[in-house]
Structure formats: C-alpha cells, structure tokens
Amino acid sequence: MNAPCLHQDMPNALDTGLHQRLTNFNRWRLSPSVVAQGWERRLAEEHELLLEEGRFIEAERRSVVARAALAPREAPAFIRWFEELQHVGPGQGDPLFPWLAEQASLDHMRWFLSQEVAGEAGFDDLVALSQVKAPIQAKLELARNYWDEVGRGDARAMHGILLHRLVVELGLASSLEATVTEALALGNLMIALAANRRYAYHSLGALGIIEQTAPGRVTLVDQGLRRLGICPRSRRYFTLHASVDIRHSEAWNREVLLPLVAADPELAQPIAEGALLRLEAGARCFTRYRSVLASMPRTGGAAVPKDHASSFADDACLDHAVP
C-alpha cells in the first residue's frame, strides 16, 4: 500500500518559537519552588508570556466559536450534541491509529509515543486546576476522577507512573527540539485552559472530550504495543484507559456538564468551545504524525495509510526487553 499524500490538508504552520517558549514557561510556572531574588523581574517576564498565551488561545477560539454556537442550550440536548462529537468531531476515526495497531514498526511506535509523552500535560494536574471553586456536584466528580488518576492513593497505580513505566521500557527520550510544534501546542492549550480561570468552563469541555474520545484510540495503541511484544505490565497505562475512560466520560457528562448547562444555559458555549479546541489540536497532531511517519524508514513496518481495512490478529504478549 502506497503512502498517501498527507501534506495537502496540513494546517497552517504553527509558531514553533512561541510554543517552545510557552512549554518552558509552563514547566517553571507550575513547578514548586522557593522565593528567590529576582522574583519581580520574573513576574514581569511572566506577564509577557501570559499575554502571548492569551493571544494564542484567543486565535484558537476564533476558529471554533461559530461551530460552538450551534450547540444546544438545553442541557439534555447539549449532552447529546457533546456525545456526538465522538463520531463527527475533528480527528475522529483518524487512520493513524488502526495503522499503529496493525502495521507500525517499533521505531514508528517509539517516535509516536515520544511525541505523545512530550505533549502530555498531566491529566491529574489539569483536573486539580480545573476544580478550583467549581460547583459542588462538579467538584465532587472531579475529585473522584482525580482520585482515580492518582491511583486511589497507591503510588504504583498512579497513571503518570504507569506512563513513565512504558517510557522506561521503550527507552523513550524526548526534547523540546525533537517534539513537533503541534504536540507542544496541544500541551500548551490544555495548561492555558486549566490554569486561567477565565477559561475554566473551556477546560471542563476539553477534559470531558478527552475522556469521551480517548478509549478508542488507546485501545488501538495498546493493540499495537501488544503486537510488538511489549509486556502487559509496561503497557498497563493504555490498557487501563481503554476501559476506565468510558466510565469517567459517562460520569463527567452526567455529573459535571449536564448540571452546569442546566443551571446556566450560556455555559454551553465555552464548554463546546473547549471540546472543539481540544479536538482540533488533536487532529493537527494526528495529521503531522502521519506526515512524519510516512517519511520514516519502513523497516519492519508498512506505509502510513489514508484508508485502512482492519485485519489485526490477537497475538499473545511476548515479555521481553526492548532493544
């Protein structure tokens, strides 16, 4: 199967310098620290970066505001609209993931995961930031979600630890310079929505759509890892999210989004914008990933397809050390 022409529908180039600056900014502004000399200068620098961040988010919002305005303002109808995004939203059904499941080589999978890890903003921290001063019903569901994310109090079961285990198993290494701009932009988007209270409802929409759309993708990534011989313990992060996110999504829609829109129908707009922002950012990543993967050596793998027919065999896991 020939590699498709992936460049014709690529989005306009993103500002790499901006997203590298924002990525560094997010690392230091969210990391615990102590009072140091020069804090006033640092605040002035932070102000400039916050302005850059805000302009980035507002530019992104302009691209989705009209579609978000079509979301119903009546709560049950809004939830039906939101749930339909799983099937019709940007990036859904992207051929990248069936290809990862069935045909990607180990080098392909390593590169893909290195990008995903680099763009990972930390779902637990995003939930924690988003729940600040939320209404009681929403706050309680966010607390339950957070508790799952941190392994229900068991460090070995923390989702971040599970992902790190796979990073170690595959010997992944990521750097700012080696990460595509689209992946950096995705992480910067999610942190900006969660860290700025003016985007609080956008963040709830963005996090909710992750829970809703992730299971299908992570199931296929998990299948690809199993086909490549990665042991169950190391791919536990993806195996877990293939099932637990379905429950999380149902609860998120019922306990967070539904009561918020029922109490204030105007919140449908920012919640819908947040969902669409996250989907668009993800779709840009998938397109860029396919473009890069199509140009990589195909030893042990197949061309990245535009159209895909499923023929995955249920192989047993081979527990081995990845070379």
Protein backbone atom coordinates (compact mmCIF):
# COMPACT_ATOMS: atom_id res chain seq x y z
CA MET A 1 0.00 0.00 0.00
CA ASN A 2 1.48 3.33 -1.03
CA ALA A 3 1.86 6.13 1.49
CA PRO A 4 -0.85 8.75 0.99
CA CYS A 5 -0.30 12.39 0.15
CA LEU A 6 -0.53 13.82 3.64
CA HIS A 7 0.62 17.37 3.04
CA GLN A 8 -2.28 18.82 1.07
CA ASP A 9 -4.55 19.22 4.09
CA MET A 10 -1.90 20.19 6.64
CA PRO A 11 -2.88 23.16 8.82
CA ASN A 12 -1.08 26.46 8.57
CA ALA A 13 2.33 26.35 10.19
CA LEU A 14 2.26 26.98 13.94
CA ASP A 15 4.71 29.31 15.63
CA THR A 16 7.40 26.95 16.87
CA GLY A 17 9.22 29.63 18.83
CA LEU A 18 6.03 30.63 20.64
CA HIS A 19 5.23 27.08 21.69
CA GLN A 20 8.75 26.36 22.82
CA ARG A 21 8.62 29.50 24.97
CA LEU A 22 5.21 28.55 26.39
CA THR A 23 6.35 24.99 27.07
CA ASN A 24 9.32 26.25 29.09
CA PHE A 25 7.07 28.79 30.79
CA ASN A 26 4.59 26.11 31.83
CA ARG A 27 7.36 23.95 33.24
CA TRP A 28 8.64 26.60 35.60
CA ARG A 29 5.36 28.30 36.50
CA LEU A 30 3.74 25.02 37.60
CA SER A 31 6.78 23.59 39.37
CA PRO A 32 7.04 24.09 43.15
CA SER A 33 9.86 26.46 44.06
CA VAL A 34 11.06 28.77 46.79
CA VAL A 35 11.26 32.54 46.96
CA ALA A 36 14.36 33.73 45.16
CA GLN A 37 15.97 37.01 44.32
CA GLY A 38 14.70 38.47 41.09
CA TRP A 39 11.08 37.47 41.66
CA GLU A 40 9.87 40.88 40.49
CA ARG A 41 11.72 40.54 37.21
CA ARG A 42 10.34 37.02 36.86
CA LEU A 43 6.79 38.34 37.33
CA ALA A 44 7.36 40.89 34.57
CA GLU A 45 8.57 38.09 32.27
CA GLU A 46 5.57 36.01 33.26
CA HIS A 47 3.24 38.85 32.35
CA GLU A 48 4.62 38.98 28.82
CA LEU A 49 4.31 35.22 28.43
CA LEU A 50 0.75 35.26 29.76
CA LEU A 51 -0.11 37.82 27.09
CA GLU A 52 1.39 35.56 24.42
CA GLU A 53 -0.54 32.63 25.84
CA GLY A 54 -3.78 34.59 25.85
CA ARG A 55 -3.36 35.71 22.25
CA PHE A 56 -2.70 32.10 21.24
CA ILE A 57 -5.89 30.88 22.93
CA GLU A 58 -7.99 33.70 21.50
CA ALA A 59 -6.73 32.93 17.99
CA GLU A 60 -7.68 29.29 18.52
CA ARG A 61 -11.11 30.28 19.84
CA ARG A 62 -11.87 32.32 16.75
CA SER A 63 -11.60 29.15 14.67
CA VAL A 64 -14.25 27.27 16.67
CA VAL A 65 -16.62 29.91 18.03
CA ALA A 66 -19.14 29.64 15.19
CA ARG A 67 -19.37 25.84 15.46
CA ALA A 68 -19.67 26.03 19.23
CA ALA A 69 -22.58 28.48 18.86
CA LEU A 70 -24.55 25.69 17.17
CA ALA A 71 -24.50 23.58 20.36
CA PRO A 72 -27.95 23.40 22.01
CA ARG A 73 -28.51 25.42 25.17
CA GLU A 74 -30.98 22.92 26.67
CA ALA A 75 -28.96 20.57 28.88
CA PRO A 76 -30.02 17.08 27.68
CA ALA A 77 -29.79 18.20 24.04
CA PHE A 78 -26.37 19.69 24.73
CA ILE A 79 -25.12 16.39 26.14
CA ARG A 80 -26.38 14.59 23.04
CA TRP A 81 -24.50 17.12 20.88
CA PHE A 82 -21.39 16.68 23.01
CA GLU A 83 -21.54 12.88 22.80
CA GLU A 84 -21.94 13.03 19.03
CA LEU A 85 -18.54 14.72 18.79
CA GLN A 86 -17.04 11.29 19.40
CA HIS A 87 -18.22 10.34 15.91
CA VAL A 88 -18.19 13.61 13.96
CA GLY A 89 -15.63 15.79 15.76
CA PRO A 90 -12.26 16.79 14.28
CA GLY A 91 -9.72 13.97 14.24
CA GLN A 92 -12.17 11.19 14.99
CA GLY A 93 -11.56 7.98 13.06
CA ASP A 94 -8.09 9.09 12.00
CA PRO A 95 -6.34 6.25 10.10
CA LEU A 96 -3.19 6.75 12.17
CA PHE A 97 -4.47 4.58 15.00
CA PRO A 98 -5.54 1.43 13.12
CA TRP A 99 -2.15 1.63 11.39
CA LEU A 100 -0.37 1.83 14.75
CA ALA A 101 -2.37 -1.18 15.91
CA GLU A 102 -1.59 -3.37 12.93
CA GLN A 103 1.41 -2.24 10.93
CA ALA A 104 3.70 0.26 12.69
CA SER A 105 7.25 -0.85 13.42
CA LEU A 106 8.83 -0.48 16.84
CA ASP A 107 10.67 2.63 15.66
CA HIS A 108 7.42 4.12 14.41
CA MET A 109 5.72 3.41 17.72
CA ARG A 110 8.62 4.82 19.70
CA TRP A 111 8.53 8.07 17.74
CA PHE A 112 4.74 8.39 18.11
CA LEU A 113 4.86 7.78 21.86
CA SER A 114 7.76 10.20 22.33
CA GLN A 115 5.55 12.93 20.84
CA GLU A 116 2.55 11.95 22.92
CA VAL A 117 4.59 11.93 26.13
CA ALA A 118 6.17 15.29 25.31
CA GLY A 119 2.72 16.83 24.78
CA GLU A 120 1.21 15.23 27.87
CA ALA A 121 0.15 17.99 30.24
CA GLY A 122 -0.71 15.68 33.17
CA PHE A 123 -4.42 14.93 33.35
CA ASP A 124 -4.40 14.76 37.14
CA ASP A 125 -2.93 18.25 37.45
CA LEU A 126 -5.33 19.62 34.84
CA VAL A 127 -8.28 18.23 36.78
CA ALA A 128 -6.91 19.66 40.03
CA LEU A 129 -6.52 23.12 38.48
CA SER A 130 -9.95 22.98 36.87
CA GLN A 131 -11.88 22.08 40.00
CA VAL A 132 -10.98 25.25 41.91
CA LYS A 133 -14.21 26.92 43.11
CA ALA A 134 -16.32 24.65 40.89
CA PRO A 135 -19.95 24.00 41.93
CA ILE A 136 -20.27 21.20 44.49
CA GLN A 137 -21.64 18.49 42.19
CA ALA A 138 -18.96 19.14 39.57
CA LYS A 139 -16.22 19.40 42.20
CA LEU A 140 -17.14 16.03 43.69
CA GLU A 141 -16.98 14.29 40.30
CA LEU A 142 -13.68 15.97 39.52
CA ALA A 143 -12.41 14.74 42.88
CA ARG A 144 -13.43 11.17 42.06
CA ASN A 145 -11.73 11.46 38.68
CA TYR A 146 -8.58 12.87 40.30
CA TRP A 147 -8.55 10.04 42.86
CA ASP A 148 -8.52 7.50 40.04
CA GLU A 149 -5.74 9.42 38.25
CA VAL A 150 -3.53 9.24 41.34
CA GLY A 151 -4.06 5.52 41.74
CA ARG A 152 -6.56 5.81 44.60
CA GLY A 153 -3.69 6.56 46.92
CA ASP A 154 -1.32 3.87 45.64
CA ALA A 155 1.79 5.38 44.02
CA ARG A 156 2.32 2.24 41.93
CA ALA A 157 -1.09 2.73 40.30
CA MET A 158 -0.79 6.44 39.55
CA HIS A 159 -1.49 6.96 35.87
CA GLY A 160 1.58 9.14 35.45
CA ILE A 161 3.74 6.40 36.95
CA LEU A 162 2.19 3.83 34.61
CA LEU A 163 3.04 6.01 31.61
CA HIS A 164 6.59 6.52 32.90
CA ARG A 165 6.98 2.75 33.12
CA LEU A 166 6.33 2.48 29.39
CA VAL A 167 8.76 5.34 28.72
CA VAL A 168 11.47 3.38 30.54
CA GLU A 169 10.57 0.08 28.84
CA LEU A 170 10.82 1.62 25.37
CA GLY A 171 13.82 3.79 26.18
CA LEU A 172 11.99 6.90 25.04
CA ALA A 173 13.81 10.21 25.08
CA SER A 174 12.15 13.49 24.30
CA SER A 175 13.42 17.02 23.94
CA LEU A 176 11.91 20.36 23.13
CA GLU A 177 13.68 20.48 19.79
CA ALA A 178 12.64 16.94 18.79
CA THR A 179 8.95 17.50 19.57
CA VAL A 180 6.72 18.66 16.73
CA THR A 181 5.08 22.04 17.23
CA GLU A 182 1.59 20.54 17.11
CA ALA A 183 2.32 18.36 20.16
CA LEU A 184 3.75 21.32 22.07
CA ALA A 185 0.72 23.42 21.14
CA LEU A 186 -1.63 20.72 22.42
CA GLY A 187 0.04 20.66 25.83
CA ASN A 188 0.15 24.46 25.97
CA LEU A 189 -3.53 24.67 25.09
CA MET A 190 -4.59 22.32 27.88
CA ILE A 191 -2.49 24.06 30.52
CA ALA A 192 -3.69 27.50 29.44
CA LEU A 193 -7.33 26.46 29.74
CA ALA A 194 -6.86 24.88 33.17
CA ALA A 195 -4.54 27.50 34.68
CA ASN A 196 -6.56 30.60 33.74
CA ARG A 197 -9.92 30.91 35.46
CA ARG A 198 -11.42 32.84 32.55
CA TYR A 199 -11.19 29.56 30.63
CA ALA A 200 -12.48 27.34 33.47
CA TYR A 201 -15.50 26.09 31.53
CA HIS A 202 -13.45 25.68 28.38
CA SER A 203 -11.17 23.40 30.39
CA LEU A 204 -14.08 21.29 31.59
CA GLY A 205 -15.20 20.83 28.00
CA ALA A 206 -11.69 19.98 26.81
CA LEU A 207 -11.07 17.47 29.60
CA GLY A 208 -14.51 15.93 29.10
CA ILE A 209 -13.91 15.36 25.40
CA ILE A 210 -10.59 13.66 26.18
CA GLU A 211 -12.37 11.19 28.44
CA GLN A 212 -15.01 10.60 25.78
CA THR A 213 -12.79 10.11 22.73
CA ALA A 214 -9.65 8.53 24.19
CA PRO A 215 -10.83 4.91 24.71
CA GLY A 216 -10.98 4.03 21.01
CA ARG A 217 -7.52 5.46 20.32
CA VAL A 218 -5.77 4.00 23.36
CA THR A 219 -7.28 0.58 22.62
CA LEU A 220 -5.59 0.63 19.21
CA VAL A 221 -2.28 1.85 20.63
CA ASP A 222 -2.44 -0.94 23.20
CA GLN A 223 -3.05 -3.46 20.43
CA GLY A 224 -0.01 -2.17 18.58
CA LEU A 225 2.16 -2.42 21.69
CA ARG A 226 0.97 -5.98 22.29
CA ARG A 227 1.71 -6.91 18.66
CA LEU A 228 5.23 -5.52 19.10
CA GLY A 229 5.79 -7.71 22.16
CA ILE A 230 5.50 -5.14 24.94
CA CYS A 231 4.52 -6.91 28.13
CA PRO A 232 1.18 -6.22 29.88
CA ARG A 233 2.84 -4.52 32.86
CA SER A 234 4.57 -1.94 30.65
CA ARG A 235 1.50 -1.15 28.54
CA ARG A 236 -0.84 -1.01 31.51
CA TYR A 237 -1.39 2.75 31.04
CA PHE A 238 -3.11 2.17 27.70
CA THR A 239 -4.92 -1.00 28.75
CA LEU A 240 -6.37 0.81 31.77
CA HIS A 241 -7.51 3.90 29.88
CA ALA A 242 -9.23 1.80 27.25
CA SER A 243 -11.83 0.88 29.86
CA VAL A 244 -11.74 3.36 32.73
CA ASP A 245 -12.18 6.40 30.49
CA ILE A 246 -15.56 5.09 29.33
CA ARG A 247 -16.81 5.20 32.92
CA HIS A 248 -15.12 8.55 33.51
CA SER A 249 -16.78 10.03 30.42
CA GLU A 250 -20.25 8.93 31.40
CA ALA A 251 -19.81 10.38 34.89
CA TRP A 252 -18.22 13.60 33.57
CA ASN A 253 -21.14 14.27 31.23
CA ARG A 254 -23.75 13.39 33.85
CA GLU A 255 -22.22 15.00 36.94
CA VAL A 256 -20.26 17.93 35.51
CA LEU A 257 -21.51 19.12 32.13
CA LEU A 258 -25.23 18.36 32.41
CA PRO A 259 -25.82 20.23 35.70
CA LEU A 260 -23.65 23.16 34.63
CA VAL A 261 -25.64 23.75 31.44
CA ALA A 262 -28.92 23.08 33.23
CA ALA A 263 -28.08 25.78 35.80
CA ASP A 264 -26.80 28.27 33.20
CA PRO A 265 -27.53 27.52 29.51
CA GLU A 266 -24.96 30.13 28.43
CA LEU A 267 -22.20 27.83 29.69
CA ALA A 268 -22.89 25.59 26.70
CA GLN A 269 -20.82 27.97 24.55
CA PRO A 270 -17.50 27.88 26.47
CA ILE A 271 -17.83 24.16 27.20
CA ALA A 272 -18.43 23.46 23.50
CA GLU A 273 -15.54 25.72 22.53
CA GLY A 274 -13.24 23.85 24.89
CA ALA A 275 -14.21 20.49 23.42
CA LEU A 276 -13.68 21.70 19.86
CA LEU A 277 -10.38 23.37 20.73
CA ARG A 278 -9.06 20.09 22.11
CA LEU A 279 -10.33 18.07 19.15
CA GLU A 280 -8.82 20.48 16.62
CA ALA A 281 -5.47 20.44 18.42
CA GLY A 282 -5.51 16.64 18.46
CA ALA A 283 -6.44 16.45 14.78
CA ARG A 284 -3.48 18.68 13.89
CA CYS A 285 -1.20 16.32 15.82
CA PHE A 286 -2.54 13.23 14.04
CA THR A 287 -2.03 14.82 10.62
CA ARG A 288 1.52 15.90 11.48
CA TYR A 289 2.33 12.49 12.96
CA ARG A 290 1.18 10.75 9.78
CA SER A 291 3.30 13.11 7.69
CA VAL A 292 6.44 12.39 9.72
CA LEU A 293 5.82 8.66 9.98
CA ALA A 294 5.25 8.40 6.23
CA SER A 295 8.77 9.77 5.70
CA MET A 296 10.46 7.41 8.17
CA PRO A 297 12.24 4.22 7.05
CA ARG A 298 9.73 1.40 6.74
CA THR A 299 11.92 -1.42 8.02
CA GLY A 300 9.63 -3.68 10.00
CA GLY A 301 6.56 -1.61 9.23
CA ALA A 302 4.20 -0.55 6.46
CA ALA A 303 3.37 2.70 4.72
CA VAL A 304 1.14 5.05 6.68
CA PRO A 305 -2.29 4.62 5.05
CA LYS A 306 -5.00 7.10 4.16
CA ASP A 307 -7.64 4.36 4.08
CA HIS A 308 -7.41 1.33 6.28
CA ALA A 309 -9.01 -2.12 6.49
CA SER A 310 -8.72 -3.91 9.84
CA SER A 311 -7.05 -7.33 9.99
CA PHE A 312 -5.42 -7.37 13.41
CA ALA A 313 -4.65 -10.79 14.86
CA ASP A 314 -4.96 -11.33 18.61
CA ASP A 315 -1.35 -12.19 19.40
CA ALA A 316 -0.18 -13.22 22.82
CA CYS A 317 2.09 -10.80 24.61
CA LEU A 318 5.79 -11.60 24.44
CA ASP A 319 7.52 -10.35 27.57
CA HIS A 320 10.93 -9.14 26.50
CA ALA A 321 13.38 -6.31 26.87
CA VAL A 322 13.05 -3.84 24.04
CA PRO A 323 16.42 -3.45 22.31
